[in-house]
C-alpha atoms as a PDB file:
ATOM      1  CA  UNK A   1      32.521  -4.523  67.946  1.00  0.00           C
ATOM      2  CA  UNK A   2      34.613  -1.864  66.213  1.00  0.00           C
ATOM      3  CA  UNK A   3      33.775   1.802  66.598  1.00  0.00           C
ATOM      4  CA  UNK A   4      35.349   5.141  65.720  1.00  0.00           C
ATOM      5  CA  UNK A   5      36.894   6.807  68.754  1.00  0.00           C
ATOM      6  CA  UNK A   6      38.124  10.395  68.986  1.00  0.00           C
ATOM      7  CA  UNK A   7      40.783  11.973  71.180  1.00  0.00           C
ATOM      8  CA  UNK A   8      40.921  15.436  72.733  1.00  0.00           C
ATOM      9  CA  UNK A   9      42.728  16.785  69.672  1.00  0.00           C
ATOM     10  CA  UNK A  10      40.009  15.401  67.387  1.00  0.00           C
ATOM     11  CA  UNK A  11      42.019  12.475  66.032  1.00  0.00           C
ATOM     12  CA  UNK A  12      39.848   9.564  64.906  1.00  0.00           C
ATOM     13  CA  UNK A  13      40.825   5.913  65.360  1.00  0.00           C
ATOM     14  CA  UNK A  14      39.227   2.475  65.279  1.00  0.00           C
ATOM     15  CA  UNK A  15      38.805   0.855  68.682  1.00  0.00           C
ATOM     16  CA  UNK A  16      37.019  -2.168  70.149  1.00  0.00           C
ATOM     17  CA  UNK A  17      34.169  -2.146  72.655  1.00  0.00           C
ATOM     18  CA  UNK A  18      31.152  -4.236  73.610  1.00  0.00           C
ATOM     19  CA  UNK A  19      27.966  -4.223  71.590  1.00  0.00           C
ATOM     20  CA  UNK A  20      25.381  -1.877  73.105  1.00  0.00           C
ATOM     21  CA  UNK A  21      22.715  -3.404  75.334  1.00  0.00           C
ATOM     22  CA  UNK A  22      19.209  -2.707  74.101  1.00  0.00           C
ATOM     23  CA  UNK A  23      16.196  -1.629  76.123  1.00  0.00           C
ATOM     24  CA  UNK A  24      12.815  -3.370  75.759  1.00  0.00           C
ATOM     25  CA  UNK A  25      11.640  -0.699  73.279  1.00  0.00           C
ATOM     26  CA  UNK A  26      14.796  -0.822  71.145  1.00  0.00           C
ATOM     27  CA  UNK A  27      16.341  -2.959  68.420  1.00  0.00           C
ATOM     28  CA  UNK A  28      19.998  -3.746  67.789  1.00  0.00           C
ATOM     29  CA  UNK A  29      21.019  -2.784  64.264  1.00  0.00           C
ATOM     30  CA  UNK A  30      24.081  -4.245  62.567  1.00  0.00           C
ATOM     31  CA  UNK A  31      25.295  -1.101  60.857  1.00  0.00           C
ATOM     32  CA  UNK A  32      26.204  -1.241  57.181  1.00  0.00           C
ATOM     33  CA  UNK A  33      26.639   2.502  56.552  1.00  0.00           C
ATOM     34  CA  UNK A  34      26.450   5.741  58.491  1.00  0.00           C
ATOM     35  CA  UNK A  35      26.283   9.415  57.642  1.00  0.00           C
ATOM     36  CA  UNK A  36      28.732  12.146  58.588  1.00  0.00           C
ATOM     37  CA  UNK A  37      27.168  15.342  59.926  1.00  0.00           C
ATOM     38  CA  UNK A  38      28.592  18.681  60.981  1.00  0.00           C
ATOM     39  CA  UNK A  39      27.363  17.963  64.494  1.00  0.00           C
ATOM     40  CA  UNK A  40      29.929  15.141  64.623  1.00  0.00           C
ATOM     41  CA  UNK A  41      32.728  17.660  64.113  1.00  0.00           C
ATOM     42  CA  UNK A  42      31.298  19.876  66.833  1.00  0.00           C
ATOM     43  CA  UNK A  43      30.959  16.964  69.244  1.00  0.00           C
ATOM     44  CA  UNK A  44      34.580  15.888  68.901  1.00  0.00           C
ATOM     45  CA  UNK A  45      35.548  19.529  69.584  1.00  0.00           C
ATOM     46  CA  UNK A  46      33.559  19.413  72.817  1.00  0.00           C
ATOM     47  CA  UNK A  47      30.970  21.906  71.551  1.00  0.00           C
ATOM     48  CA  UNK A  48      27.933  19.655  71.041  1.00  0.00           C
ATOM     49  CA  UNK A  49      27.635  16.865  73.609  1.00  0.00           C
ATOM     50  CA  UNK A  50      25.053  14.122  73.093  1.00  0.00           C
ATOM     51  CA  UNK A  51      21.794  14.341  75.059  1.00  0.00           C
ATOM     52  CA  UNK A  52      21.687  12.733  78.489  1.00  0.00           C
ATOM     53  CA  UNK A  53      21.529   8.970  78.229  1.00  0.00           C
ATOM     54  CA  UNK A  54      22.701   8.811  74.615  1.00  0.00           C
ATOM     55  CA  UNK A  55      25.871   7.040  73.489  1.00  0.00           C
ATOM     56  CA  UNK A  56      29.056   9.116  73.555  1.00  0.00           C
ATOM     57  CA  UNK A  57      30.113   7.515  70.276  1.00  0.00           C
ATOM     58  CA  UNK A  58      29.782   9.879  67.322  1.00  0.00           C
ATOM     59  CA  UNK A  59      27.099   9.416  64.690  1.00  0.00           C
ATOM     60  CA  UNK A  60      23.448  10.362  64.292  1.00  0.00           C
ATOM     61  CA  UNK A  61      22.191   8.258  61.371  1.00  0.00           C
ATOM     62  CA  UNK A  62      22.701   4.691  60.261  1.00  0.00           C
ATOM     63  CA  UNK A  63      21.454   2.011  57.926  1.00  0.00           C
ATOM     64  CA  UNK A  64      21.697  -1.736  58.391  1.00  0.00           C
ATOM     65  CA  UNK A  65      19.682  -4.794  59.362  1.00  0.00           C
ATOM     66  CA  UNK A  66      17.934  -5.629  62.606  1.00  0.00           C
ATOM     67  CA  UNK A  67      19.907  -8.234  64.551  1.00  0.00           C
ATOM     68  CA  UNK A  68      18.039  -8.298  67.863  1.00  0.00           C
ATOM     69  CA  UNK A  69      14.565  -7.218  69.050  1.00  0.00           C
ATOM     70  CA  UNK A  70      13.688  -5.759  72.424  1.00  0.00           C
ATOM     71  CA  UNK A  71      10.984  -7.655  74.262  1.00  0.00           C
ATOM     72  CA  UNK A  72       8.396  -4.890  73.708  1.00  0.00           C
ATOM     73  CA  UNK A  73       9.089  -4.476  69.981  1.00  0.00           C
ATOM     74  CA  UNK A  74       6.376  -5.485  67.543  1.00  0.00           C
ATOM     75  CA  UNK A  75       5.926  -4.973  63.814  1.00  0.00           C
ATOM     76  CA  UNK A  76       9.572  -5.654  62.970  1.00  0.00           C
ATOM     77  CA  UNK A  77      11.612  -8.825  62.558  1.00  0.00           C
ATOM     78  CA  UNK A  78      15.251  -9.844  62.621  1.00  0.00           C
ATOM     79  CA  UNK A  79      16.828  -9.234  59.213  1.00  0.00           C
ATOM     80  CA  UNK A  80      14.653  -6.238  58.291  1.00  0.00           C
ATOM     81  CA  UNK A  81      16.685  -3.566  56.431  1.00  0.00           C
ATOM     82  CA  UNK A  82      16.263  -0.235  58.212  1.00  0.00           C
ATOM     83  CA  UNK A  83      17.680   3.249  58.501  1.00  0.00           C
ATOM     84  CA  UNK A  84      17.312   5.556  61.468  1.00  0.00           C
ATOM     85  CA  UNK A  85      18.143   8.863  63.065  1.00  0.00           C
ATOM     86  CA  UNK A  86      19.752   8.351  66.486  1.00  0.00           C
ATOM     87  CA  UNK A  87      21.057  10.644  69.231  1.00  0.00           C
ATOM     88  CA  UNK A  88      24.499   8.989  69.210  1.00  0.00           C
ATOM     89  CA  UNK A  89      26.357   5.766  68.542  1.00  0.00           C
ATOM     90  CA  UNK A  90      26.271   5.693  64.745  1.00  0.00           C
ATOM     91  CA  UNK A  91      30.029   5.375  64.172  1.00  0.00           C
ATOM     92  CA  UNK A  92      29.975   1.735  65.269  1.00  0.00           C
ATOM     93  CA  UNK A  93      29.311  -1.727  63.875  1.00  0.00           C
ATOM     94  CA  UNK A  94      26.181  -2.036  66.026  1.00  0.00           C
ATOM     95  CA  UNK A  95      23.738   0.592  67.254  1.00  0.00           C
ATOM     96  CA  UNK A  96      20.813   0.524  69.677  1.00  0.00           C
ATOM     97  CA  UNK A  97      17.818   2.233  68.083  1.00  0.00           C
ATOM     98  CA  UNK A  98      14.437   3.152  69.560  1.00  0.00           C
ATOM     99  CA  UNK A  99      11.790   1.302  67.574  1.00  0.00           C
ATOM    100  CA  UNK A 100       9.879   4.529  66.923  1.00  0.00           C
ATOM    101  CA  UNK A 101      12.827   5.944  64.986  1.00  0.00           C
ATOM    102  CA  UNK A 102      13.115   3.100  62.489  1.00  0.00           C
ATOM    103  CA  UNK A 103      12.449   3.754  58.814  1.00  0.00           C
ATOM    104  CA  UNK A 104      12.215   0.817  56.379  1.00  0.00           C
ATOM    105  CA  UNK A 105      14.964   1.050  53.782  1.00  0.00           C
ATOM    106  CA  UNK A 106      13.337   1.858  50.435  1.00  0.00           C
ATOM    107  CA  UNK A 107      13.537  -1.271  48.284  1.00  0.00           C
ATOM    108  CA  UNK A 108      15.096   0.622  45.378  1.00  0.00           C
ATOM    109  CA  UNK A 109      18.004   2.068  47.400  1.00  0.00           C
ATOM    110  CA  UNK A 110      21.358   0.739  48.560  1.00  0.00           C
ATOM    111  CA  UNK A 111      22.345   0.714  52.223  1.00  0.00           C
ATOM    112  CA  UNK A 112      24.571   3.741  51.629  1.00  0.00           C
ATOM    113  CA  UNK A 113      21.726   5.644  49.982  1.00  0.00           C
ATOM    114  CA  UNK A 114      19.372   4.732  52.825  1.00  0.00           C
ATOM    115  CA  UNK A 115      21.895   6.041  55.369  1.00  0.00           C
ATOM    116  CA  UNK A 116      21.738   9.411  53.595  1.00  0.00           C
ATOM    117  CA  UNK A 117      18.033   9.844  54.355  1.00  0.00           C
ATOM    118  CA  UNK A 118      17.306  10.168  58.102  1.00  0.00           C
ATOM    119  CA  UNK A 119      19.122  13.220  59.431  1.00  0.00           C
ATOM    120  CA  UNK A 120      18.820  15.573  56.470  1.00  0.00           C
ATOM    121  CA  UNK A 121      15.362  14.664  55.236  1.00  0.00           C
ATOM    122  CA  UNK A 122      13.820  14.629  58.719  1.00  0.00           C
ATOM    123  CA  UNK A 123      15.453  17.985  59.518  1.00  0.00           C
ATOM    124  CA  UNK A 124      14.195  19.472  56.254  1.00  0.00           C
ATOM    125  CA  UNK A 125      10.734  17.936  56.679  1.00  0.00           C
ATOM    126  CA  UNK A 126      10.447  19.331  60.196  1.00  0.00           C
ATOM    127  CA  UNK A 127      11.472  22.815  59.039  1.00  0.00           C
ATOM    128  CA  UNK A 128       9.292  22.953  55.929  1.00  0.00           C
ATOM    129  CA  UNK A 129       6.138  21.272  57.179  1.00  0.00           C
ATOM    130  CA  UNK A 130       6.017  21.125  60.972  1.00  0.00           C
ATOM    131  CA  UNK A 131       7.520  24.540  61.744  1.00  0.00           C
ATOM    132  CA  UNK A 132       7.428  26.629  58.564  1.00  0.00           C
ATOM    133  CA  UNK A 133       4.079  25.301  57.291  1.00  0.00           C
ATOM    134  CA  UNK A 134       5.147  26.082  53.731  1.00  0.00           C
ATOM    135  CA  UNK A 135       2.249  26.324  51.294  1.00  0.00           C
ATOM    136  CA  UNK A 136       2.129  25.504  47.605  1.00  0.00           C
ATOM    137  CA  UNK A 137       3.022  28.574  45.549  1.00  0.00           C
ATOM    138  CA  UNK A 138       5.015  30.244  48.322  1.00  0.00           C
ATOM    139  CA  UNK A 139       8.655  31.327  48.077  1.00  0.00           C
ATOM    140  CA  UNK A 140      11.353  29.530  50.081  1.00  0.00           C
ATOM    141  CA  UNK A 141      14.945  30.684  50.595  1.00  0.00           C
ATOM    142  CA  UNK A 142      17.515  28.096  51.722  1.00  0.00           C
ATOM    143  CA  UNK A 143      20.948  29.215  52.868  1.00  0.00           C
ATOM    144  CA  UNK A 144      23.714  26.619  52.371  1.00  0.00           C
ATOM    145  CA  UNK A 145      21.630  25.114  49.600  1.00  0.00           C
ATOM    146  CA  UNK A 146      24.247  22.518  48.600  1.00  0.00           C
ATOM    147  CA  UNK A 147      24.388  21.042  52.095  1.00  0.00           C
ATOM    148  CA  UNK A 148      22.683  17.735  52.808  1.00  0.00           C
ATOM    149  CA  UNK A 149      19.763  19.495  54.499  1.00  0.00           C
ATOM    150  CA  UNK A 150      19.602  22.087  51.731  1.00  0.00           C
ATOM    151  CA  UNK A 151      19.378  19.521  48.937  1.00  0.00           C
ATOM    152  CA  UNK A 152      16.750  17.545  50.854  1.00  0.00           C
ATOM    153  CA  UNK A 153      14.747  20.731  51.461  1.00  0.00           C
ATOM    154  CA  UNK A 154      14.876  21.670  47.762  1.00  0.00           C
ATOM    155  CA  UNK A 155      13.327  18.346  46.797  1.00  0.00           C
ATOM    156  CA  UNK A 156      10.615  18.411  49.463  1.00  0.00           C
ATOM    157  CA  UNK A 157       9.655  22.008  48.707  1.00  0.00           C
ATOM    158  CA  UNK A 158       9.420  21.437  44.961  1.00  0.00           C
ATOM    159  CA  UNK A 159       7.249  18.352  45.491  1.00  0.00           C
ATOM    160  CA  UNK A 160       5.030  20.609  47.591  1.00  0.00           C
ATOM    161  CA  UNK A 161       4.689  23.160  44.778  1.00  0.00           C
ATOM    162  CA  UNK A 162       6.841  25.941  46.243  1.00  0.00           C
ATOM    163  CA  UNK A 163       9.420  28.130  44.505  1.00  0.00           C
ATOM    164  CA  UNK A 164      12.946  27.715  45.852  1.00  0.00           C
ATOM    165  CA  UNK A 165      15.982  29.991  45.960  1.00  0.00           C
ATOM    166  CA  UNK A 166      19.319  28.986  47.465  1.00  0.00           C
ATOM    167  CA  UNK A 167      22.575  30.627  48.422  1.00  0.00           C
ATOM    168  CA  UNK A 168      25.857  28.807  47.776  1.00  0.00           C
ATOM    169  CA  UNK A 169      29.599  29.493  47.896  1.00  0.00           C
ATOM    170  CA  UNK A 170      30.342  28.724  44.222  1.00  0.00           C
ATOM    171  CA  UNK A 171      28.830  28.588  40.769  1.00  0.00           C
ATOM    172  CA  UNK A 172      29.305  24.816  40.739  1.00  0.00           C
ATOM    173  CA  UNK A 173      27.269  24.407  43.907  1.00  0.00           C
ATOM    174  CA  UNK A 174      24.588  26.725  42.563  1.00  0.00           C
ATOM    175  CA  UNK A 175      24.361  24.786  39.315  1.00  0.00           C
ATOM    176  CA  UNK A 176      24.098  21.552  41.308  1.00  0.00           C
ATOM    177  CA  UNK A 177      21.218  22.937  43.382  1.00  0.00           C
ATOM    178  CA  UNK A 178      19.392  23.910  40.205  1.00  0.00           C
ATOM    179  CA  UNK A 179      19.881  20.379  38.862  1.00  0.00           C
ATOM    180  CA  UNK A 180      17.972  19.220  41.954  1.00  0.00           C
ATOM    181  CA  UNK A 181      15.160  21.706  41.397  1.00  0.00           C
ATOM    182  CA  UNK A 182      16.141  25.123  42.784  1.00  0.00           C
ATOM    183  CA  UNK A 183      14.625  27.955  40.740  1.00  0.00           C
ATOM    184  CA  UNK A 184      17.272  30.523  41.666  1.00  0.00           C
ATOM    185  CA  UNK A 185      20.845  29.970  42.860  1.00  0.00           C
ATOM    186  CA  UNK A 186      22.849  32.874  44.283  1.00  0.00           C
ATOM    187  CA  UNK A 187      26.625  32.804  44.732  1.00  0.00           C
ATOM    188  CA  UNK A 188      26.931  34.767  47.958  1.00  0.00           C
ATOM    189  CA  UNK A 189      30.604  35.517  47.280  1.00  0.00           C
ATOM    190  CA  UNK A 190      29.630  37.468  44.164  1.00  0.00           C
ATOM    191  CA  UNK A 191      26.006  38.518  44.707  1.00  0.00           C
ATOM    192  CA  UNK A 192      23.875  40.018  47.461  1.00  0.00           C
ATOM    193  CA  UNK A 193      21.024  37.590  48.082  1.00  0.00           C
ATOM    194  CA  UNK A 194      18.745  40.339  49.406  1.00  0.00           C
ATOM    195  CA  UNK A 195      19.144  42.480  46.269  1.00  0.00           C
ATOM    196  CA  UNK A 196      18.815  39.517  43.914  1.00  0.00           C
ATOM    197  CA  UNK A 197      15.647  38.110  45.478  1.00  0.00           C
ATOM    198  CA  UNK A 198      14.059  41.499  46.122  1.00  0.00           C
ATOM    199  CA  UNK A 199      14.327  42.129  42.388  1.00  0.00           C
ATOM    200  CA  UNK A 200      13.250  38.620  41.333  1.00  0.00           C
ATOM    201  CA  UNK A 201      10.423  37.879  43.761  1.00  0.00           C
ATOM    202  CA  UNK A 202       9.873  40.908  45.966  1.00  0.00           C
ATOM    203  CA  UNK A 203      10.098  38.764  49.088  1.00  0.00           C
ATOM    204  CA  UNK A 204      10.056  35.265  50.536  1.00  0.00           C
ATOM    205  CA  UNK A 205       7.646  33.481  52.841  1.00  0.00           C
ATOM    206  CA  UNK A 206      10.045  31.083  54.554  1.00  0.00           C
ATOM    207  CA  UNK A 207      13.798  31.071  55.175  1.00  0.00           C
ATOM    208  CA  UNK A 208      15.720  27.973  56.224  1.00  0.00           C
ATOM    209  CA  UNK A 209      19.002  29.333  57.516  1.00  0.00           C
ATOM    210  CA  UNK A 210      22.147  27.441  58.477  1.00  0.00           C
ATOM    211  CA  UNK A 211      24.202  30.663  58.580  1.00  0.00           C
ATOM    212  CA  UNK A 212      22.491  33.161  60.951  1.00  0.00           C
ATOM    213  CA  UNK A 213      24.812  35.985  62.090  1.00  0.00           C
ATOM    214  CA  UNK A 214      24.781  38.865  59.618  1.00  0.00           C
ATOM    215  CA  UNK A 215      22.206  37.100  57.451  1.00  0.00           C
ATOM    216  CA  UNK A 216      19.471  37.572  60.034  1.00  0.00           C
ATOM    217  CA  UNK A 217      18.605  41.207  59.348  1.00  0.00           C
ATOM    218  CA  UNK A 218      18.742  40.641  55.582  1.00  0.00           C
ATOM    219  CA  UNK A 219      16.404  37.688  55.994  1.00  0.00           C
ATOM    220  CA  UNK A 220      13.985  39.907  57.907  1.00  0.00           C
ATOM    221  CA  UNK A 221      14.126  42.641  55.272  1.00  0.00           C
ATOM    222  CA  UNK A 222      13.362  40.098  52.567  1.00  0.00           C
ATOM    223  CA  UNK A 223      10.575  38.364  54.459  1.00  0.00           C
ATOM    224  CA  UNK A 224       6.950  38.779  53.402  1.00  0.00           C
ATOM    225  CA  UNK A 225       4.264  39.627  55.948  1.00  0.00           C
ATOM    226  CA  UNK A 226       3.681  36.784  58.432  1.00  0.00           C
ATOM    227  CA  UNK A 227       6.774  35.028  57.123  1.00  0.00           C
ATOM    228  CA  UNK A 228       9.031  32.720  59.095  1.00  0.00           C
ATOM    229  CA  UNK A 229      12.803  32.327  59.524  1.00  0.00           C
ATOM    230  CA  UNK A 230      14.093  29.025  60.883  1.00  0.00           C
ATOM    231  CA  UNK A 231      17.677  28.958  62.153  1.00  0.00           C
ATOM    232  CA  UNK A 232      19.133  25.435  62.073  1.00  0.00           C
ATOM    233  CA  UNK A 233      22.816  26.303  62.551  1.00  0.00           C
ATOM    234  CA  UNK A 234      25.122  29.272  63.141  1.00  0.00           C
ATOM    235  CA  UNK A 235      27.859  28.947  60.521  1.00  0.00           C
ATOM    236  CA  UNK A 236      27.962  32.746  60.313  1.00  0.00           C
ATOM    237  CA  UNK A 237      28.219  33.329  64.050  1.00  0.00           C
ATOM    238  CA  UNK A 238      26.011  33.150  67.108  1.00  0.00           C
ATOM    239  CA  UNK A 239      25.407  36.887  67.567  1.00  0.00           C
ATOM    240  CA  UNK A 240      23.361  39.366  65.523  1.00  0.00           C
ATOM    241  CA  UNK A 241      24.573  42.945  65.664  1.00  0.00           C
ATOM    242  CA  UNK A 242      21.868  45.651  65.671  1.00  0.00           C
ATOM    243  CA  UNK A 243      19.023  43.185  65.329  1.00  0.00           C
ATOM    244  CA  UNK A 244      16.049  45.047  63.849  1.00  0.00           C
ATOM    245  CA  UNK A 245      13.188  44.248  66.190  1.00  0.00           C
ATOM    246  CA  UNK A 246      10.997  46.810  64.410  1.00  0.00           C
ATOM    247  CA  UNK A 247      11.153  44.687  61.266  1.00  0.00           C
ATOM    248  CA  UNK A 248      10.254  41.585  63.264  1.00  0.00           C
ATOM    249  CA  UNK A 249       7.194  43.313  64.705  1.00  0.00           C
ATOM    250  CA  UNK A 250       6.196  45.205  61.567  1.00  0.00           C
ATOM    251  CA  UNK A 251       6.129  42.057  59.456  1.00  0.00           C
ATOM    252  CA  UNK A 252       4.544  39.924  62.187  1.00  0.00           C
ATOM    253  CA  UNK A 253       7.500  37.669  61.509  1.00  0.00           C
ATOM    254  CA  UNK A 254       8.402  34.468  63.312  1.00  0.00           C
ATOM    255  CA  UNK A 255      12.045  33.692  64.109  1.00  0.00           C
ATOM    256  CA  UNK A 256      12.550  30.110  65.262  1.00  0.00           C
ATOM    257  CA  UNK A 257      15.640  28.294  66.465  1.00  0.00           C
ATOM    258  CA  UNK A 258      15.422  24.540  66.027  1.00  0.00           C
ATOM    259  CA  UNK A 259      17.528  21.470  66.690  1.00  0.00           C
ATOM    260  CA  UNK A 260      16.424  17.873  66.315  1.00  0.00           C
ATOM    261  CA  UNK A 261      18.948  15.815  68.243  1.00  0.00           C
ATOM    262  CA  UNK A 262      17.763  16.863  71.699  1.00  0.00           C
ATOM    263  CA  UNK A 263      14.027  16.598  70.988  1.00  0.00           C
ATOM    264  CA  UNK A 264      12.046  14.103  73.030  1.00  0.00           C
ATOM    265  CA  UNK A 265      11.803  10.503  71.857  1.00  0.00           C
ATOM    266  CA  UNK A 266       8.048  10.892  71.387  1.00  0.00           C
ATOM    267  CA  UNK A 267       8.501  14.022  69.252  1.00  0.00           C
ATOM    268  CA  UNK A 268      11.043  12.316  67.023  1.00  0.00           C
ATOM    269  CA  UNK A 269       8.904   9.183  66.736  1.00  0.00           C
ATOM    270  CA  UNK A 270       5.928  11.296  65.625  1.00  0.00           C
ATOM    271  CA  UNK A 271       8.136  13.093  63.111  1.00  0.00           C
ATOM    272  CA  UNK A 272       9.441   9.805  61.711  1.00  0.00           C
ATOM    273  CA  UNK A 273       5.914   8.396  61.480  1.00  0.00           C
ATOM    274  CA  UNK A 274       4.596  11.470  59.659  1.00  0.00           C
ATOM    275  CA  UNK A 275       7.556  11.639  57.285  1.00  0.00           C
ATOM    276  CA  UNK A 276       7.413   7.921  56.514  1.00  0.00           C
ATOM    277  CA  UNK A 277       3.691   8.071  55.811  1.00  0.00           C
ATOM    278  CA  UNK A 278       3.996  11.050  53.482  1.00  0.00           C
ATOM    279  CA  UNK A 279       7.270  10.473  51.702  1.00  0.00           C
ATOM    280  CA  UNK A 280       8.734   6.957  51.958  1.00  0.00           C
ATOM    281  CA  UNK A 281       6.991   5.861  48.764  1.00  0.00           C
ATOM    282  CA  UNK A 282       8.473   8.880  46.967  1.00  0.00           C
ATOM    283  CA  UNK A 283      11.951   7.380  47.358  1.00  0.00           C
ATOM    284  CA  UNK A 284      10.781   4.103  45.873  1.00  0.00           C
ATOM    285  CA  UNK A 285       9.194   5.934  42.920  1.00  0.00           C
ATOM    286  CA  UNK A 286      12.304   8.056  42.372  1.00  0.00           C
ATOM    287  CA  UNK A 287      10.553  11.365  43.065  1.00  0.00           C
ATOM    288  CA  UNK A 288      12.882  11.846  46.039  1.00  0.00           C
ATOM    289  CA  UNK A 289      16.535  10.822  46.040  1.00  0.00           C
ATOM    290  CA  UNK A 290      19.252  10.809  48.696  1.00  0.00           C
ATOM    291  CA  UNK A 291      22.110  13.022  47.529  1.00  0.00           C
ATOM    292  CA  UNK A 292      25.516  11.485  48.215  1.00  0.00           C
ATOM    293  CA  UNK A 293      28.662  13.467  47.510  1.00  0.00           C
ATOM    294  CA  UNK A 294      31.089  10.627  48.325  1.00  0.00           C
ATOM    295  CA  UNK A 295      31.054   7.164  49.826  1.00  0.00           C
ATOM    296  CA  UNK A 296      34.116   6.406  51.946  1.00  0.00           C
ATOM    297  CA  UNK A 297      35.583   3.246  53.372  1.00  0.00           C
ATOM    298  CA  UNK A 298      35.879   3.246  57.154  1.00  0.00           C
ATOM    299  CA  UNK A 299      39.660   3.697  56.857  1.00  0.00           C
ATOM    300  CA  UNK A 300      39.120   7.056  55.123  1.00  0.00           C
ATOM    301  CA  UNK A 301      36.830   8.634  57.677  1.00  0.00           C
ATOM    302  CA  UNK A 302      39.469  11.290  58.472  1.00  0.00           C
ATOM    303  CA  UNK A 303      39.224  12.500  54.891  1.00  0.00           C
ATOM    304  CA  UNK A 304      35.448  12.870  55.197  1.00  0.00           C
ATOM    305  CA  UNK A 305      35.838  14.959  58.364  1.00  0.00           C
ATOM    306  CA  UNK A 306      38.546  17.112  56.795  1.00  0.00           C
ATOM    307  CA  UNK A 307      36.439  17.803  53.731  1.00  0.00           C
ATOM    308  CA  UNK A 308      33.372  18.645  55.814  1.00  0.00           C
ATOM    309  CA  UNK A 309      35.419  21.069  57.910  1.00  0.00           C
ATOM    310  CA  UNK A 310      36.370  22.832  54.652  1.00  0.00           C
ATOM    311  CA  UNK A 311      32.742  22.897  53.400  1.00  0.00           C
ATOM    312  CA  UNK A 312      33.950  20.775  50.502  1.00  0.00           C
ATOM    313  CA  UNK A 313      30.746  18.876  49.849  1.00  0.00           C
ATOM    314  CA  UNK A 314      27.579  18.815  47.797  1.00  0.00           C
ATOM    315  CA  UNK A 315      25.299  16.418  49.606  1.00  0.00           C
ATOM    316  CA  UNK A 316      26.122  13.682  52.090  1.00  0.00           C
ATOM    317  CA  UNK A 317      29.322  11.927  53.078  1.00  0.00           C
ATOM    318  CA  UNK A 318      28.566   8.260  53.796  1.00  0.00           C
ATOM    319  CA  UNK A 319      30.902   5.764  55.479  1.00  0.00           C
ATOM    320  CA  UNK A 320      30.572   2.070  54.662  1.00  0.00           C
ATOM    321  CA  UNK A 321      31.792  -0.639  57.039  1.00  0.00           C
ATOM    322  CA  UNK A 322      32.244  -3.192  54.253  1.00  0.00           C
END
């Protein structure tokens, strides 16, 4: 099979290797499309290795059809269209997928659209519901609102009856977030999100933060009593200068760091099951939609990586094999 290899300098190229062998609890998926994630860029830089036992090939989400079933697999058949979040191996024509991570492709979506679901919607679902326990009527702040996770989180939160504010790097990105349901969009290059939201809402109950760094203390200042901040990435830096612990204690705040890739298989299977039960039908009804910035041919994958490195995206980059 073909797969996308990377060298020490980060150069991507198409190479040949054997199809992955599947375990009894896995299926072999013939990949039609796969998503590009920032973690892929970090992995090829040597900063985010895959979990032990996972494929070293890049890629954490795929869509395609089942080509082979492990001997313990039930409830699925060869030819079923599926999408899935995986720990590695997505940048290939075939991927081994644990059966518990499979999501049926919504009948109304293309393969490319289905590939844009797993990573961002499961990450957003975990943050909003499993960790943040967002309630209807509460206020949510999402940093990097025009990212794939941000746009997924906007949709989930609005379906849940919450109010949503986002920060973005441009007016165009802010307008786009509002098209997808955000109530307030703040251009952080021109506005101070703390001042804007303090005036508009007084405070927020939940923050989903891909920036961290200097944003952390502002998040705390803006947080309502018993509020929660969930750090999903560190685009603004890994350290927080003069962290205000008094604010953390005084507001009975919760500060959580979360990743999904290195969670246990059972945790991820439970998350997939819960998400599928609650929201899969919402894609088929059109209440939820995957947000794709650009679909690329496999020969243009370098362009997708270059654009992601420049934060030049609103939604997902999807690569199609055919």
